[in-house]
Amino acid sequence: MQLLELLPRQLPVAQSAFHTAHLSTPRTLTPAPLVWRNVTVVAPSATLANVLATASIVRGHHALRWLESQNVAARLMAMDGTVRRIGAWPA
């Protein structure tokens, strides 16, 4: 967890950045896949935003569809700098 701030509408935002030694895939206990450099999520609570952002790093490519199903706004930056936006995240 790197950042927690409140937007003008008082919605919690959490950003999770990739740290190889910090995050691992629970099923295999191997480092999280090298897909996302960072993930930022806006959710109803700071706890939920943190959980969704961190889980997205671990989920790798599967995070996009999964975040869409969570009905939140998110911004994901790939390791190559490509940005993907989910939900109502502004362009």
N, C-alpha and C. Protein backbone atom coordinates (compact mmCIF):
# COMPACT_ATOMS: atom_id res chain seq x y z
N MET A 1 0.84 -1.17 0.00
CA MET A 1 0.00 0.00 0.00
C MET A 1 0.88 1.22 0.00
N GLN A 2 0.70 2.07 -0.98
CA GLN A 2 1.56 3.24 -1.06
C GLN A 2 0.85 4.56 -0.84
N LEU A 3 -0.45 4.63 -1.13
CA LEU A 3 -1.10 5.93 -1.11
C LEU A 3 -2.53 5.77 -0.63
N LEU A 4 -2.94 6.64 0.25
CA LEU A 4 -4.34 6.70 0.67
C LEU A 4 -4.70 8.16 0.75
N GLU A 5 -5.70 8.56 -0.02
CA GLU A 5 -6.11 9.96 -0.02
C GLU A 5 -7.61 10.01 -0.22
N LEU A 6 -8.19 11.18 0.02
CA LEU A 6 -9.62 11.35 -0.19
C LEU A 6 -9.84 12.25 -1.39
N LEU A 7 -10.71 11.84 -2.29
CA LEU A 7 -11.07 12.65 -3.44
C LEU A 7 -12.05 13.72 -2.99
N PRO A 8 -12.33 14.72 -3.84
CA PRO A 8 -13.27 15.76 -3.45
C PRO A 8 -14.61 15.22 -2.96
N ARG A 9 -15.06 14.09 -3.48
CA ARG A 9 -16.33 13.51 -3.04
C ARG A 9 -16.14 12.59 -1.84
N GLN A 10 -14.97 12.63 -1.22
CA GLN A 10 -14.68 11.84 -0.03
C GLN A 10 -14.70 10.34 -0.27
N LEU A 11 -14.29 9.91 -1.46
CA LEU A 11 -14.20 8.48 -1.75
C LEU A 11 -12.78 8.00 -1.50
N PRO A 12 -12.62 6.94 -0.74
CA PRO A 12 -11.27 6.43 -0.48
C PRO A 12 -10.61 5.90 -1.75
N VAL A 13 -9.32 6.16 -1.87
CA VAL A 13 -8.52 5.69 -2.99
C VAL A 13 -7.33 4.93 -2.42
N ALA A 14 -7.03 3.78 -3.02
CA ALA A 14 -5.84 3.03 -2.61
C ALA A 14 -5.02 2.71 -3.84
N GLN A 15 -3.73 2.81 -3.70
CA GLN A 15 -2.83 2.44 -4.79
C GLN A 15 -1.87 1.39 -4.28
N SER A 16 -1.69 0.34 -5.07
CA SER A 16 -0.76 -0.71 -4.74
C SER A 16 0.27 -0.80 -5.85
N ALA A 17 1.53 -0.73 -5.49
CA ALA A 17 2.60 -0.83 -6.48
C ALA A 17 3.28 -2.18 -6.34
N PHE A 18 3.82 -2.66 -7.43
CA PHE A 18 4.42 -3.99 -7.48
C PHE A 18 5.76 -4.00 -6.73
N HIS A 19 5.89 -4.94 -5.82
CA HIS A 19 7.15 -5.21 -5.14
C HIS A 19 7.32 -6.72 -5.14
N THR A 20 8.29 -7.22 -5.88
CA THR A 20 8.46 -8.65 -6.07
C THR A 20 8.51 -9.41 -4.74
N ALA A 21 9.24 -8.92 -3.79
CA ALA A 21 9.39 -9.64 -2.53
C ALA A 21 8.18 -9.50 -1.62
N HIS A 22 7.32 -8.56 -1.92
CA HIS A 22 6.21 -8.24 -1.02
C HIS A 22 4.94 -9.05 -1.31
N LEU A 23 4.61 -9.26 -2.57
CA LEU A 23 3.35 -9.92 -2.92
C LEU A 23 3.61 -11.29 -3.56
N SER A 24 2.86 -12.28 -3.11
CA SER A 24 2.98 -13.60 -3.72
C SER A 24 1.60 -14.17 -4.01
N THR A 25 1.54 -15.10 -4.93
CA THR A 25 0.30 -15.77 -5.29
C THR A 25 -0.02 -16.78 -4.20
N PRO A 26 -1.17 -16.67 -3.55
CA PRO A 26 -1.48 -17.53 -2.41
C PRO A 26 -1.46 -19.03 -2.73
N ARG A 27 -1.92 -19.42 -3.90
CA ARG A 27 -1.98 -20.84 -4.24
C ARG A 27 -0.61 -21.49 -4.41
N THR A 28 0.33 -20.72 -4.94
CA THR A 28 1.64 -21.30 -5.26
C THR A 28 2.77 -20.75 -4.38
N LEU A 29 2.50 -19.65 -3.68
CA LEU A 29 3.50 -18.97 -2.86
C LEU A 29 4.68 -18.46 -3.69
N THR A 30 4.43 -18.26 -4.99
CA THR A 30 5.44 -17.68 -5.88
C THR A 30 5.18 -16.18 -6.01
N PRO A 31 6.17 -15.40 -6.42
CA PRO A 31 5.95 -13.96 -6.58
C PRO A 31 4.79 -13.68 -7.55
N ALA A 32 4.10 -12.59 -7.29
CA ALA A 32 3.01 -12.16 -8.17
C ALA A 32 3.53 -11.99 -9.59
N PRO A 33 2.67 -12.23 -10.60
CA PRO A 33 3.12 -12.09 -11.99
C PRO A 33 3.52 -10.65 -12.32
N LEU A 34 4.46 -10.50 -13.22
CA LEU A 34 4.92 -9.17 -13.64
C LEU A 34 3.99 -8.61 -14.71
N VAL A 35 2.82 -8.17 -14.29
CA VAL A 35 1.83 -7.63 -15.23
C VAL A 35 1.59 -6.14 -14.96
N TRP A 36 1.28 -5.79 -13.72
CA TRP A 36 0.93 -4.41 -13.37
C TRP A 36 2.02 -3.75 -12.56
N ARG A 37 2.42 -2.56 -12.99
CA ARG A 37 3.38 -1.75 -12.23
C ARG A 37 2.70 -1.15 -11.01
N ASN A 38 1.48 -0.63 -11.21
CA ASN A 38 0.68 -0.18 -10.08
C ASN A 38 -0.80 -0.23 -10.43
N VAL A 39 -1.61 -0.31 -9.40
CA VAL A 39 -3.06 -0.35 -9.54
C VAL A 39 -3.64 0.62 -8.53
N THR A 40 -4.55 1.48 -8.99
CA THR A 40 -5.22 2.43 -8.12
C THR A 40 -6.72 2.17 -8.21
N VAL A 41 -7.38 2.08 -7.06
CA VAL A 41 -8.80 1.74 -7.02
C VAL A 41 -9.54 2.75 -6.16
N VAL A 42 -10.74 3.15 -6.60
CA VAL A 42 -11.66 3.96 -5.81
C VAL A 42 -12.78 3.03 -5.38
N ALA A 43 -13.03 2.95 -4.07
CA ALA A 43 -14.05 2.05 -3.54
C ALA A 43 -14.78 2.73 -2.39
N PRO A 44 -15.88 2.15 -1.93
CA PRO A 44 -16.65 2.76 -0.84
C PRO A 44 -15.88 2.90 0.48
N SER A 45 -14.87 2.07 0.70
CA SER A 45 -14.07 2.19 1.93
C SER A 45 -12.59 2.05 1.58
N ALA A 46 -11.77 2.60 2.44
CA ALA A 46 -10.32 2.50 2.23
C ALA A 46 -9.86 1.05 2.30
N THR A 47 -10.46 0.28 3.19
CA THR A 47 -10.08 -1.13 3.31
C THR A 47 -10.38 -1.88 2.03
N LEU A 48 -11.57 -1.68 1.49
CA LEU A 48 -11.94 -2.36 0.24
C LEU A 48 -11.04 -1.91 -0.90
N ALA A 49 -10.75 -0.62 -1.00
CA ALA A 49 -9.87 -0.12 -2.06
C ALA A 49 -8.49 -0.78 -1.96
N ASN A 50 -7.97 -0.92 -0.75
CA ASN A 50 -6.67 -1.54 -0.55
C ASN A 50 -6.69 -3.01 -0.95
N VAL A 51 -7.73 -3.73 -0.53
CA VAL A 51 -7.84 -5.15 -0.86
C VAL A 51 -7.93 -5.34 -2.37
N LEU A 52 -8.76 -4.55 -3.04
CA LEU A 52 -8.93 -4.68 -4.49
C LEU A 52 -7.65 -4.35 -5.25
N ALA A 53 -6.95 -3.29 -4.83
CA ALA A 53 -5.72 -2.90 -5.51
C ALA A 53 -4.64 -3.97 -5.34
N THR A 54 -4.49 -4.47 -4.14
CA THR A 54 -3.47 -5.49 -3.89
C THR A 54 -3.80 -6.80 -4.59
N ALA A 55 -5.06 -7.21 -4.51
CA ALA A 55 -5.47 -8.45 -5.17
C ALA A 55 -5.30 -8.35 -6.69
N SER A 56 -5.48 -7.17 -7.23
CA SER A 56 -5.33 -7.00 -8.68
C SER A 56 -3.89 -7.23 -9.12
N ILE A 57 -2.94 -6.79 -8.32
CA ILE A 57 -1.53 -7.06 -8.63
C ILE A 57 -1.30 -8.56 -8.70
N VAL A 58 -1.83 -9.28 -7.71
CA VAL A 58 -1.64 -10.73 -7.64
C VAL A 58 -2.38 -11.45 -8.77
N ARG A 59 -3.54 -10.95 -9.16
CA ARG A 59 -4.34 -11.60 -10.21
C ARG A 59 -3.76 -11.43 -11.61
N GLY A 60 -2.87 -10.49 -11.80
CA GLY A 60 -2.25 -10.30 -13.11
C GLY A 60 -3.27 -9.93 -14.17
N HIS A 61 -3.23 -10.59 -15.33
CA HIS A 61 -4.14 -10.27 -16.44
C HIS A 61 -5.60 -10.49 -16.07
N HIS A 62 -5.88 -11.36 -15.14
CA HIS A 62 -7.26 -11.65 -14.74
C HIS A 62 -7.88 -10.50 -13.94
N ALA A 63 -7.07 -9.53 -13.54
CA ALA A 63 -7.56 -8.42 -12.73
C ALA A 63 -8.57 -7.55 -13.47
N LEU A 64 -8.41 -7.38 -14.77
CA LEU A 64 -9.30 -6.48 -15.51
C LEU A 64 -10.76 -6.90 -15.40
N ARG A 65 -11.05 -8.11 -15.77
CA ARG A 65 -12.43 -8.60 -15.72
C ARG A 65 -12.93 -8.66 -14.27
N TRP A 66 -12.05 -9.08 -13.36
CA TRP A 66 -12.44 -9.18 -11.96
C TRP A 66 -12.81 -7.81 -11.40
N LEU A 67 -12.00 -6.78 -11.67
CA LEU A 67 -12.33 -5.43 -11.18
C LEU A 67 -13.63 -4.92 -11.78
N GLU A 68 -13.87 -5.21 -13.05
CA GLU A 68 -15.14 -4.81 -13.66
C GLU A 68 -16.31 -5.42 -12.90
N SER A 69 -16.18 -6.65 -12.45
CA SER A 69 -17.26 -7.31 -11.72
C SER A 69 -17.46 -6.74 -10.32
N GLN A 70 -16.48 -5.98 -9.82
CA GLN A 70 -16.57 -5.39 -8.48
C GLN A 70 -17.27 -4.03 -8.49
N ASN A 71 -17.59 -3.50 -9.67
CA ASN A 71 -18.27 -2.20 -9.80
C ASN A 71 -17.52 -1.07 -9.11
N VAL A 72 -16.22 -0.97 -9.39
CA VAL A 72 -15.40 0.11 -8.85
C VAL A 72 -14.68 0.79 -10.02
N ALA A 73 -14.15 1.96 -9.75
CA ALA A 73 -13.31 2.65 -10.72
C ALA A 73 -11.86 2.31 -10.40
N ALA A 74 -11.08 2.03 -11.44
CA ALA A 74 -9.69 1.67 -11.22
C ALA A 74 -8.82 2.10 -12.40
N ARG A 75 -7.54 2.29 -12.10
CA ARG A 75 -6.53 2.60 -13.13
C ARG A 75 -5.38 1.63 -12.92
N LEU A 76 -5.06 0.87 -13.96
CA LEU A 76 -3.99 -0.11 -13.88
C LEU A 76 -2.90 0.27 -14.87
N MET A 77 -1.66 0.35 -14.40
CA MET A 77 -0.54 0.63 -15.29
C MET A 77 0.28 -0.64 -15.44
N ALA A 78 0.41 -1.08 -16.69
CA ALA A 78 1.18 -2.29 -16.98
C ALA A 78 2.67 -2.01 -16.83
N MET A 79 3.44 -3.06 -16.78
CA MET A 79 4.89 -2.94 -16.63
C MET A 79 5.51 -2.14 -17.77
N ASP A 80 4.87 -2.16 -18.97
CA ASP A 80 5.40 -1.41 -20.11
C ASP A 80 4.88 0.03 -20.17
N GLY A 81 4.09 0.45 -19.16
CA GLY A 81 3.57 1.81 -19.10
C GLY A 81 2.18 1.98 -19.69
N THR A 82 1.64 0.96 -20.31
CA THR A 82 0.28 1.01 -20.85
C THR A 82 -0.71 1.16 -19.70
N VAL A 83 -1.70 2.04 -19.87
CA VAL A 83 -2.69 2.29 -18.83
C VAL A 83 -4.05 1.74 -19.25
N ARG A 84 -4.70 1.04 -18.34
CA ARG A 84 -6.06 0.53 -18.54
C ARG A 84 -6.94 1.15 -17.46
N ARG A 85 -8.13 1.58 -17.86
CA ARG A 85 -9.07 2.18 -16.92
C ARG A 85 -10.31 1.30 -16.83
N ILE A 86 -10.83 1.18 -15.62
CA ILE A 86 -12.01 0.36 -15.35
C ILE A 86 -13.09 1.26 -14.76
N GLY A 87 -14.33 1.00 -15.12
CA GLY A 87 -15.45 1.73 -14.53
C GLY A 87 -15.42 3.19 -14.90
N ALA A 88 -15.72 4.04 -13.93
CA ALA A 88 -15.86 5.48 -14.17
C ALA A 88 -14.55 6.24 -13.99
N TRP A 89 -13.41 5.56 -14.11
CA TRP A 89 -12.14 6.27 -13.99
C TRP A 89 -12.01 7.27 -15.13
N PRO A 90 -11.69 8.53 -14.83
CA PRO A 90 -11.61 9.54 -15.89
C PRO A 90 -10.46 9.25 -16.87
N ALA A 91 -10.67 9.69 -18.10
CA ALA A 91 -9.65 9.48 -19.15
C ALA A 91 -8.48 10.41 -18.97
